[in-house]
Amino acid sequence: MFCPRCKAEYSEGFTKCSDCHIPLVPELGPASDDRPAYVEYEEVLSTYNPFDIAMIKSLLDEEEIRYFFQGEQFSYVRPLADPVRLMVAKEHAKAAREILKDLTISFGPSSPDKDEEEEE
């Protein structure tokens, strides 16, 4: 007996999967490949600024472009050590660049000296 969802094998006498809580079947159907397809990504830009990241996410999500930010979680551990890299699925890279071309990105940290000069 087999669970059609998790593919676990059970001894005779069992009728329900203890994990999935669904009825068992005597045989599994033909094996299907449920693994996600390989996606090749390409770096489009990088930034240190979390506000840039939030803005970029909203723009790309609106256009349903597949992306991720490499190093985003580590930017809080090592701020300003390594930039966060925007990685976009290769087939969407050109569209992402077009969407982001007019966006002003802060590639470096803002200077506290500049802020102090403006206040004076």
N, C-alpha and C. Protein backbone atom coordinates (compact mmCIF):
# COMPACT_ATOMS: atom_id res chain seq x y z
N MET A 1 0.85 -1.17 0.00
CA MET A 1 0.00 0.00 0.00
C MET A 1 0.90 1.24 0.00
N PHE A 2 0.46 2.27 -0.73
CA PHE A 2 1.26 3.48 -0.89
C PHE A 2 0.40 4.73 -0.70
N CYS A 3 1.05 5.78 -0.24
CA CYS A 3 0.38 7.08 -0.16
C CYS A 3 0.59 7.78 -1.50
N PRO A 4 -0.49 8.20 -2.17
CA PRO A 4 -0.33 8.84 -3.48
C PRO A 4 0.32 10.23 -3.39
N ARG A 5 0.31 10.86 -2.22
CA ARG A 5 0.88 12.19 -2.09
C ARG A 5 2.37 12.14 -1.74
N CYS A 6 2.72 11.49 -0.62
CA CYS A 6 4.11 11.49 -0.16
C CYS A 6 4.90 10.26 -0.63
N LYS A 7 4.21 9.32 -1.26
CA LYS A 7 4.83 8.11 -1.84
C LYS A 7 5.37 7.14 -0.78
N ALA A 8 4.97 7.31 0.47
CA ALA A 8 5.43 6.39 1.53
C ALA A 8 4.79 5.02 1.33
N GLU A 9 5.55 3.98 1.65
CA GLU A 9 5.04 2.61 1.51
C GLU A 9 4.60 2.11 2.87
N TYR A 10 3.45 1.43 2.91
CA TYR A 10 2.88 0.89 4.16
C TYR A 10 2.69 -0.61 4.04
N SER A 11 2.69 -1.28 5.18
CA SER A 11 2.43 -2.72 5.22
C SER A 11 0.94 -2.96 5.02
N GLU A 12 0.60 -4.21 4.66
CA GLU A 12 -0.81 -4.58 4.51
C GLU A 12 -1.55 -4.31 5.82
N GLY A 13 -2.79 -3.92 5.72
CA GLY A 13 -3.59 -3.64 6.90
C GLY A 13 -3.78 -2.15 7.15
N PHE A 14 -2.87 -1.32 6.64
CA PHE A 14 -3.01 0.13 6.77
C PHE A 14 -3.89 0.64 5.64
N THR A 15 -4.73 1.60 5.93
CA THR A 15 -5.63 2.14 4.91
C THR A 15 -5.47 3.65 4.70
N LYS A 16 -4.77 4.31 5.63
CA LYS A 16 -4.64 5.76 5.58
C LYS A 16 -3.19 6.16 5.89
N CYS A 17 -2.68 7.16 5.19
CA CYS A 17 -1.32 7.66 5.44
C CYS A 17 -1.31 8.39 6.78
N SER A 18 -0.35 8.03 7.62
CA SER A 18 -0.29 8.66 8.94
C SER A 18 0.19 10.10 8.88
N ASP A 19 0.86 10.49 7.81
CA ASP A 19 1.32 11.88 7.66
C ASP A 19 0.34 12.75 6.89
N CYS A 20 -0.15 12.24 5.77
CA CYS A 20 -1.01 13.03 4.88
C CYS A 20 -2.50 12.88 5.20
N HIS A 21 -2.84 11.82 5.94
CA HIS A 21 -4.23 11.56 6.33
C HIS A 21 -5.15 11.38 5.12
N ILE A 22 -4.63 10.72 4.09
CA ILE A 22 -5.45 10.40 2.91
C ILE A 22 -5.41 8.89 2.69
N PRO A 23 -6.42 8.33 1.98
CA PRO A 23 -6.46 6.89 1.75
C PRO A 23 -5.27 6.41 0.92
N LEU A 24 -4.78 5.21 1.26
CA LEU A 24 -3.68 4.59 0.53
C LEU A 24 -4.19 3.92 -0.72
N VAL A 25 -3.29 3.72 -1.68
CA VAL A 25 -3.63 3.02 -2.92
C VAL A 25 -2.74 1.79 -3.03
N PRO A 26 -3.20 0.75 -3.73
CA PRO A 26 -2.39 -0.47 -3.82
C PRO A 26 -1.11 -0.28 -4.64
N GLU A 27 -1.12 0.59 -5.64
CA GLU A 27 0.05 0.83 -6.48
C GLU A 27 0.16 2.31 -6.80
N LEU A 28 1.39 2.75 -6.97
CA LEU A 28 1.60 4.13 -7.41
C LEU A 28 1.53 4.18 -8.92
N GLY A 29 1.01 5.27 -9.45
CA GLY A 29 0.95 5.46 -10.89
C GLY A 29 2.34 5.69 -11.44
N PRO A 30 2.44 5.98 -12.73
CA PRO A 30 3.76 6.24 -13.32
C PRO A 30 4.44 7.41 -12.60
N ALA A 31 5.74 7.28 -12.44
CA ALA A 31 6.49 8.32 -11.73
C ALA A 31 6.42 9.63 -12.49
N SER A 32 6.08 10.66 -11.77
CA SER A 32 6.07 11.99 -12.37
C SER A 32 7.20 12.80 -11.75
N ASP A 33 7.77 13.67 -12.52
CA ASP A 33 8.87 14.49 -12.04
C ASP A 33 8.30 15.79 -11.49
N ASP A 34 8.15 15.85 -10.16
CA ASP A 34 7.58 17.03 -9.52
C ASP A 34 8.63 18.07 -9.14
N ARG A 35 9.87 17.81 -9.51
CA ARG A 35 10.92 18.76 -9.17
C ARG A 35 10.75 20.03 -9.99
N PRO A 36 11.09 21.17 -9.41
CA PRO A 36 11.00 22.42 -10.17
C PRO A 36 12.04 22.44 -11.29
N ALA A 37 11.70 23.11 -12.35
CA ALA A 37 12.62 23.23 -13.48
C ALA A 37 13.80 24.14 -13.10
N TYR A 38 14.95 23.85 -13.68
CA TYR A 38 16.13 24.67 -13.45
C TYR A 38 15.93 26.04 -14.10
N VAL A 39 16.25 27.09 -13.34
CA VAL A 39 16.12 28.45 -13.85
C VAL A 39 17.49 29.11 -13.76
N GLU A 40 17.95 29.66 -14.87
CA GLU A 40 19.23 30.36 -14.87
C GLU A 40 18.98 31.83 -14.56
N TYR A 41 19.76 32.37 -13.62
CA TYR A 41 19.59 33.76 -13.20
C TYR A 41 20.79 34.59 -13.63
N GLU A 42 20.57 35.89 -13.73
CA GLU A 42 21.61 36.82 -14.14
C GLU A 42 21.53 38.04 -13.23
N GLU A 43 22.68 38.59 -12.84
CA GLU A 43 22.69 39.78 -11.98
C GLU A 43 22.31 41.00 -12.81
N VAL A 44 21.36 41.77 -12.29
CA VAL A 44 20.90 42.97 -12.97
C VAL A 44 21.48 44.22 -12.31
N LEU A 45 21.53 44.24 -10.99
CA LEU A 45 22.12 45.36 -10.27
C LEU A 45 22.43 44.95 -8.84
N SER A 46 23.08 45.84 -8.10
CA SER A 46 23.35 45.59 -6.69
C SER A 46 23.19 46.89 -5.92
N THR A 47 22.89 46.76 -4.64
CA THR A 47 22.68 47.93 -3.79
C THR A 47 22.92 47.57 -2.33
N TYR A 48 23.17 48.57 -1.54
CA TYR A 48 23.30 48.39 -0.10
C TYR A 48 22.03 48.84 0.62
N ASN A 49 21.16 49.54 -0.07
CA ASN A 49 20.03 50.22 0.54
C ASN A 49 18.78 49.35 0.60
N PRO A 50 18.25 49.06 1.82
CA PRO A 50 17.03 48.24 1.93
C PRO A 50 15.80 48.90 1.31
N PHE A 51 15.79 50.23 1.22
CA PHE A 51 14.66 50.92 0.59
C PHE A 51 14.66 50.68 -0.92
N ASP A 52 15.85 50.63 -1.52
CA ASP A 52 15.95 50.28 -2.94
C ASP A 52 15.38 48.89 -3.18
N ILE A 53 15.73 47.97 -2.30
CA ILE A 53 15.27 46.58 -2.43
C ILE A 53 13.76 46.52 -2.39
N ALA A 54 13.15 47.23 -1.44
CA ALA A 54 11.69 47.23 -1.31
C ALA A 54 11.03 47.80 -2.57
N MET A 55 11.58 48.88 -3.10
CA MET A 55 11.02 49.51 -4.30
C MET A 55 11.14 48.57 -5.50
N ILE A 56 12.30 47.95 -5.65
CA ILE A 56 12.52 47.04 -6.77
C ILE A 56 11.57 45.85 -6.68
N LYS A 57 11.39 45.30 -5.48
CA LYS A 57 10.47 44.18 -5.31
C LYS A 57 9.07 44.55 -5.77
N SER A 58 8.60 45.73 -5.38
CA SER A 58 7.23 46.12 -5.76
C SER A 58 7.10 46.27 -7.27
N LEU A 59 8.13 46.83 -7.92
CA LEU A 59 8.07 47.00 -9.37
C LEU A 59 8.10 45.67 -10.11
N LEU A 60 8.97 44.76 -9.68
CA LEU A 60 9.10 43.48 -10.37
C LEU A 60 7.92 42.55 -10.07
N ASP A 61 7.41 42.61 -8.84
CA ASP A 61 6.23 41.80 -8.50
C ASP A 61 5.03 42.21 -9.35
N GLU A 62 4.88 43.50 -9.57
CA GLU A 62 3.77 44.01 -10.37
C GLU A 62 3.81 43.46 -11.79
N GLU A 63 5.02 43.27 -12.31
CA GLU A 63 5.20 42.75 -13.67
C GLU A 63 5.35 41.24 -13.72
N GLU A 64 5.27 40.58 -12.55
CA GLU A 64 5.40 39.13 -12.43
C GLU A 64 6.71 38.61 -13.01
N ILE A 65 7.79 39.31 -12.66
CA ILE A 65 9.13 38.91 -13.10
C ILE A 65 9.76 38.07 -12.00
N ARG A 66 10.34 36.94 -12.37
CA ARG A 66 10.96 36.02 -11.42
C ARG A 66 12.34 36.55 -11.03
N TYR A 67 12.57 36.72 -9.72
CA TYR A 67 13.82 37.28 -9.23
C TYR A 67 14.07 36.83 -7.79
N PHE A 68 15.26 37.10 -7.29
CA PHE A 68 15.56 37.02 -5.86
C PHE A 68 16.73 37.94 -5.58
N PHE A 69 16.90 38.30 -4.31
CA PHE A 69 18.01 39.15 -3.90
C PHE A 69 19.04 38.29 -3.18
N GLN A 70 20.19 38.10 -3.82
CA GLN A 70 21.25 37.30 -3.23
C GLN A 70 21.96 38.12 -2.15
N GLY A 71 22.01 37.56 -0.94
CA GLY A 71 22.68 38.23 0.18
C GLY A 71 21.77 39.13 0.98
N GLU A 72 20.48 39.15 0.68
CA GLU A 72 19.57 40.06 1.38
C GLU A 72 19.54 39.78 2.88
N GLN A 73 19.52 38.51 3.27
CA GLN A 73 19.45 38.17 4.68
C GLN A 73 20.74 38.50 5.41
N PHE A 74 21.87 38.48 4.70
CA PHE A 74 23.15 38.76 5.33
C PHE A 74 23.45 40.25 5.42
N SER A 75 22.66 41.07 4.73
CA SER A 75 22.93 42.50 4.76
C SER A 75 22.73 43.08 6.16
N TYR A 76 21.98 42.39 7.00
CA TYR A 76 21.78 42.85 8.38
C TYR A 76 22.92 42.40 9.28
N VAL A 77 23.58 41.31 8.90
CA VAL A 77 24.70 40.79 9.68
C VAL A 77 25.98 41.55 9.33
N ARG A 78 26.15 41.82 8.04
CA ARG A 78 27.36 42.51 7.56
C ARG A 78 26.97 43.73 6.75
N PRO A 79 26.36 44.72 7.38
CA PRO A 79 25.91 45.89 6.61
C PRO A 79 27.09 46.59 5.95
N LEU A 80 26.89 46.95 4.72
CA LEU A 80 27.85 47.68 3.90
C LEU A 80 29.11 46.89 3.56
N ALA A 81 29.17 45.63 3.95
CA ALA A 81 30.33 44.81 3.60
C ALA A 81 30.18 44.27 2.18
N ASP A 82 29.03 43.73 1.88
CA ASP A 82 28.75 43.17 0.56
C ASP A 82 27.40 43.71 0.08
N PRO A 83 27.32 44.12 -1.16
CA PRO A 83 26.02 44.59 -1.64
C PRO A 83 25.06 43.43 -1.85
N VAL A 84 23.79 43.73 -1.82
CA VAL A 84 22.75 42.76 -2.14
C VAL A 84 22.59 42.79 -3.65
N ARG A 85 22.61 41.60 -4.27
CA ARG A 85 22.58 41.50 -5.72
C ARG A 85 21.20 41.07 -6.21
N LEU A 86 20.62 41.83 -7.12
CA LEU A 86 19.35 41.48 -7.73
C LEU A 86 19.62 40.46 -8.83
N MET A 87 19.09 39.25 -8.64
CA MET A 87 19.23 38.18 -9.61
C MET A 87 17.87 37.94 -10.27
N VAL A 88 17.84 38.04 -11.59
CA VAL A 88 16.60 37.92 -12.35
C VAL A 88 16.73 36.73 -13.30
N ALA A 89 15.63 36.00 -13.45
CA ALA A 89 15.62 34.89 -14.41
C ALA A 89 16.09 35.41 -15.77
N LYS A 90 16.99 34.68 -16.39
CA LYS A 90 17.64 35.14 -17.62
C LYS A 90 16.63 35.60 -18.68
N GLU A 91 15.52 34.89 -18.80
CA GLU A 91 14.54 35.28 -19.82
C GLU A 91 13.80 36.57 -19.48
N HIS A 92 13.89 37.03 -18.22
CA HIS A 92 13.24 38.27 -17.80
C HIS A 92 14.23 39.41 -17.56
N ALA A 93 15.53 39.17 -17.74
CA ALA A 93 16.55 40.17 -17.42
C ALA A 93 16.39 41.45 -18.23
N LYS A 94 16.14 41.33 -19.52
CA LYS A 94 15.99 42.51 -20.37
C LYS A 94 14.78 43.34 -19.94
N ALA A 95 13.67 42.68 -19.65
CA ALA A 95 12.47 43.39 -19.20
C ALA A 95 12.71 44.07 -17.85
N ALA A 96 13.42 43.39 -16.97
CA ALA A 96 13.72 43.97 -15.65
C ALA A 96 14.58 45.22 -15.79
N ARG A 97 15.59 45.15 -16.65
CA ARG A 97 16.45 46.31 -16.88
C ARG A 97 15.65 47.49 -17.43
N GLU A 98 14.73 47.20 -18.32
CA GLU A 98 13.88 48.25 -18.90
C GLU A 98 13.00 48.90 -17.82
N ILE A 99 12.43 48.09 -16.94
CA ILE A 99 11.58 48.60 -15.87
C ILE A 99 12.38 49.45 -14.90
N LEU A 100 13.61 49.04 -14.60
CA LEU A 100 14.41 49.69 -13.58
C LEU A 100 15.33 50.79 -14.11
N LYS A 101 15.33 51.04 -15.42
CA LYS A 101 16.30 51.97 -16.01
C LYS A 101 16.17 53.39 -15.47
N ASP A 102 14.99 53.85 -15.14
CA ASP A 102 14.80 55.22 -14.65
C ASP A 102 14.80 55.33 -13.13
N LEU A 103 14.96 54.21 -12.46
CA LEU A 103 14.96 54.20 -11.00
C LEU A 103 16.32 54.67 -10.49
N THR A 104 16.32 55.63 -9.57
CA THR A 104 17.56 56.10 -8.98
C THR A 104 17.92 55.16 -7.84
N ILE A 105 19.04 54.47 -7.99
CA ILE A 105 19.48 53.47 -7.01
C ILE A 105 20.61 54.06 -6.18
N SER A 106 20.57 53.81 -4.88
CA SER A 106 21.64 54.24 -3.97
C SER A 106 22.62 53.10 -3.86
N PHE A 107 23.66 53.12 -4.68
CA PHE A 107 24.61 52.01 -4.68
C PHE A 107 25.50 52.03 -3.44
N GLY A 108 25.64 53.16 -2.80
CA GLY A 108 26.47 53.25 -1.60
C GLY A 108 25.67 53.84 -0.46
N PRO A 109 26.25 53.86 0.72
CA PRO A 109 25.53 54.43 1.86
C PRO A 109 25.47 55.95 1.76
N SER A 110 24.46 56.54 2.37
CA SER A 110 24.39 57.99 2.37
C SER A 110 25.44 58.52 3.32
N SER A 111 25.95 59.67 3.02
CA SER A 111 27.03 60.24 3.81
C SER A 111 26.47 61.08 4.96
N PRO A 112 26.81 60.78 6.20
CA PRO A 112 26.33 61.59 7.31
C PRO A 112 26.83 63.03 7.22
N ASP A 113 28.03 63.25 6.66
CA ASP A 113 28.57 64.60 6.53
C ASP A 113 27.69 65.45 5.62
N LYS A 114 27.20 64.86 4.55
CA LYS A 114 26.35 65.58 3.62
C LYS A 114 25.06 65.99 4.30
N ASP A 115 24.47 65.10 5.10
CA ASP A 115 23.24 65.41 5.82
C ASP A 115 23.46 66.56 6.80
N GLU A 116 24.61 66.58 7.47
CA GLU A 116 24.90 67.62 8.45
C GLU A 116 25.08 68.97 7.75
N GLU A 117 25.70 68.98 6.56
CA GLU A 117 25.89 70.22 5.82
C GLU A 117 24.55 70.82 5.41
N GLU A 118 23.60 69.99 5.02
CA GLU A 118 22.29 70.45 4.59
C GLU A 118 21.53 71.08 5.75
N GLU A 119 21.74 70.58 6.98
CA GLU A 119 21.02 71.09 8.14
C GLU A 119 21.51 72.48 8.54
N GLU A 120 22.78 72.80 8.25
CA GLU A 120 23.37 74.09 8.68
C GLU A 120 22.90 75.22 7.86
